[in-house]
Amino acid sequence: MYMVEEQAETIQERDGSLNGQPVRRREQVVNKSELIQTLAEEVGVGVEESTVIVDTFFDSIREALQEGNRVELRGFGSFKMKEYEGYVGRNPKTGESVRVKPKRMPFFKAGKGLVDLLNE
């Protein structure tokens, strides 16, 4: 039994599957605090200064999108606003008609450089 488990781990390491079945990997989340800490360490500035830089970066993107502008980060991707018209939908529980208001949603499209990097 132990040998079978050991063998399965080897197969998993080699091709990302376990006995032919895809294996779910636990995803790690990078949050704003970690970005700030990484910037501080990489550039050699204080955490306070890194916080201002990261906040300014995200605020600039937010402001551009609010104004209806597209934000393009070459090699990474672009952000733009998509506008959706209102429509009449249905409440799935009651079947009652519901008016859905028009809305604007941010949309991100990955750039070629990012796509290529993730598919290496």
Protein backbone atom coordinates (compact mmCIF):
# COMPACT_ATOMS: atom_id res chain seq x y z
CA MET A 1 0.00 0.00 0.00
CA TYR A 2 2.76 2.46 0.92
CA MET A 3 4.55 1.81 -2.38
CA VAL A 4 1.38 2.60 -4.38
CA GLU A 5 0.99 5.97 -2.61
CA GLU A 6 4.63 6.78 -3.23
CA GLN A 7 4.25 5.86 -6.90
CA ALA A 8 1.12 8.02 -7.22
CA GLU A 9 3.00 11.02 -5.83
CA THR A 10 5.71 10.52 -8.46
CA ILE A 11 3.10 10.44 -11.24
CA GLN A 12 1.48 13.56 -9.81
CA GLU A 13 4.77 15.43 -9.75
CA ARG A 14 5.65 14.48 -13.32
CA ASP A 15 2.53 15.48 -15.26
CA GLY A 16 0.27 17.30 -12.79
CA SER A 17 -2.23 14.44 -12.55
CA LEU A 18 -2.89 11.59 -10.18
CA ASN A 19 -3.55 8.33 -12.02
CA GLY A 20 -4.75 10.25 -15.07
CA GLN A 21 -7.09 12.54 -13.10
CA PRO A 22 -6.31 16.28 -12.82
CA VAL A 23 -5.18 17.30 -9.36
CA ARG A 24 -6.52 20.50 -7.83
CA ARG A 25 -3.76 22.59 -6.43
CA ARG A 26 -4.42 24.85 -3.54
CA GLU A 27 -4.28 28.38 -4.82
CA GLN A 28 -2.43 31.09 -3.00
CA VAL A 29 -3.86 34.58 -2.86
CA VAL A 30 -1.63 37.61 -3.15
CA ASN A 31 -3.23 40.55 -1.40
CA LYS A 32 -2.50 44.26 -1.29
CA SER A 33 -0.43 43.99 1.91
CA GLU A 34 1.83 41.41 0.29
CA LEU A 35 2.27 43.62 -2.78
CA ILE A 36 3.27 46.51 -0.51
CA GLN A 37 5.73 44.34 1.42
CA THR A 38 7.28 42.94 -1.78
CA LEU A 39 7.68 46.43 -3.24
CA ALA A 40 9.33 47.65 -0.05
CA GLU A 41 11.81 44.75 -0.07
CA GLU A 42 12.58 44.81 -3.82
CA VAL A 43 13.05 48.57 -4.13
CA GLY A 44 14.51 49.13 -0.69
CA VAL A 45 12.01 51.70 0.54
CA GLY A 46 9.90 51.79 3.68
CA VAL A 47 6.51 50.16 3.99
CA GLU A 48 4.86 53.59 4.33
CA GLU A 49 6.33 54.77 1.03
CA SER A 50 5.41 51.48 -0.65
CA THR A 51 1.84 51.88 0.60
CA VAL A 52 1.62 55.32 -1.02
CA ILE A 53 2.99 53.93 -4.32
CA VAL A 54 0.59 50.97 -4.43
CA ASP A 55 -2.40 53.11 -3.39
CA THR A 56 -1.54 55.71 -6.05
CA PHE A 57 -1.25 52.98 -8.69
CA PHE A 58 -4.68 51.50 -7.91
CA ASP A 59 -6.30 54.93 -7.46
CA SER A 60 -5.03 55.94 -10.92
CA ILE A 61 -6.61 52.85 -12.48
CA ARG A 62 -9.90 53.46 -10.64
CA GLU A 63 -10.04 57.12 -11.68
CA ALA A 64 -9.29 56.32 -15.32
CA LEU A 65 -12.06 53.70 -15.40
CA GLN A 66 -14.53 56.06 -13.70
CA GLU A 67 -13.82 58.62 -16.43
CA GLY A 68 -14.51 55.97 -19.08
CA ASN A 69 -10.88 55.58 -20.13
CA ARG A 70 -9.13 52.34 -20.99
CA VAL A 71 -6.04 51.41 -18.95
CA GLU A 72 -3.38 49.49 -20.84
CA LEU A 73 -0.35 47.94 -19.16
CA ARG A 74 1.80 46.56 -21.99
CA GLY A 75 2.74 42.93 -21.53
CA PHE A 76 0.26 42.55 -18.65
CA GLY A 77 -3.22 43.44 -19.84
CA SER A 78 -5.85 46.12 -20.14
CA PHE A 79 -8.84 47.30 -18.15
CA LYS A 80 -11.95 48.87 -19.59
CA MET A 81 -15.55 49.47 -18.63
CA LYS A 82 -18.35 47.49 -20.23
CA GLU A 83 -21.82 48.89 -20.16
CA TYR A 84 -24.79 46.55 -19.87
CA GLU A 85 -28.30 47.66 -20.70
CA GLY A 86 -31.17 47.06 -18.32
CA TYR A 87 -33.47 44.14 -18.97
CA VAL A 88 -36.42 42.26 -17.54
CA GLY A 89 -35.35 39.11 -15.73
CA ARG A 90 -37.10 36.54 -13.61
CA ASN A 91 -36.80 35.74 -9.93
CA PRO A 92 -35.82 32.04 -10.01
CA LYS A 93 -37.74 31.23 -6.81
CA THR A 94 -41.04 32.93 -7.60
CA GLY A 95 -40.94 33.28 -11.39
CA GLU A 96 -41.90 36.94 -10.90
CA SER A 97 -40.60 39.46 -13.47
CA VAL A 98 -37.88 41.73 -12.13
CA ARG A 99 -36.45 44.86 -13.73
CA VAL A 100 -32.63 44.74 -13.77
CA LYS A 101 -31.03 48.18 -13.93
CA PRO A 102 -28.35 49.11 -16.47
CA LYS A 103 -24.86 48.79 -15.05
CA ARG A 104 -21.20 49.37 -15.78
CA MET A 105 -18.70 46.63 -14.98
CA PRO A 106 -14.90 46.66 -15.13
CA PHE A 107 -13.43 44.14 -17.56
CA PHE A 108 -9.83 42.86 -17.65
CA LYS A 109 -8.24 41.32 -20.72
CA ALA A 110 -4.88 39.62 -20.24
CA GLY A 111 -2.11 40.81 -22.55
CA LYS A 112 -0.10 38.53 -24.82
CA GLY A 113 2.98 38.67 -22.59
CA LEU A 114 1.02 37.50 -19.54
CA VAL A 115 -0.80 34.80 -21.47
CA ASP A 116 2.47 33.50 -22.93
CA LEU A 117 4.14 33.50 -19.51
CA LEU A 118 1.29 31.56 -17.91
CA ASN A 119 1.26 28.98 -20.69
CA GLU A 120 4.99 28.17 -20.72
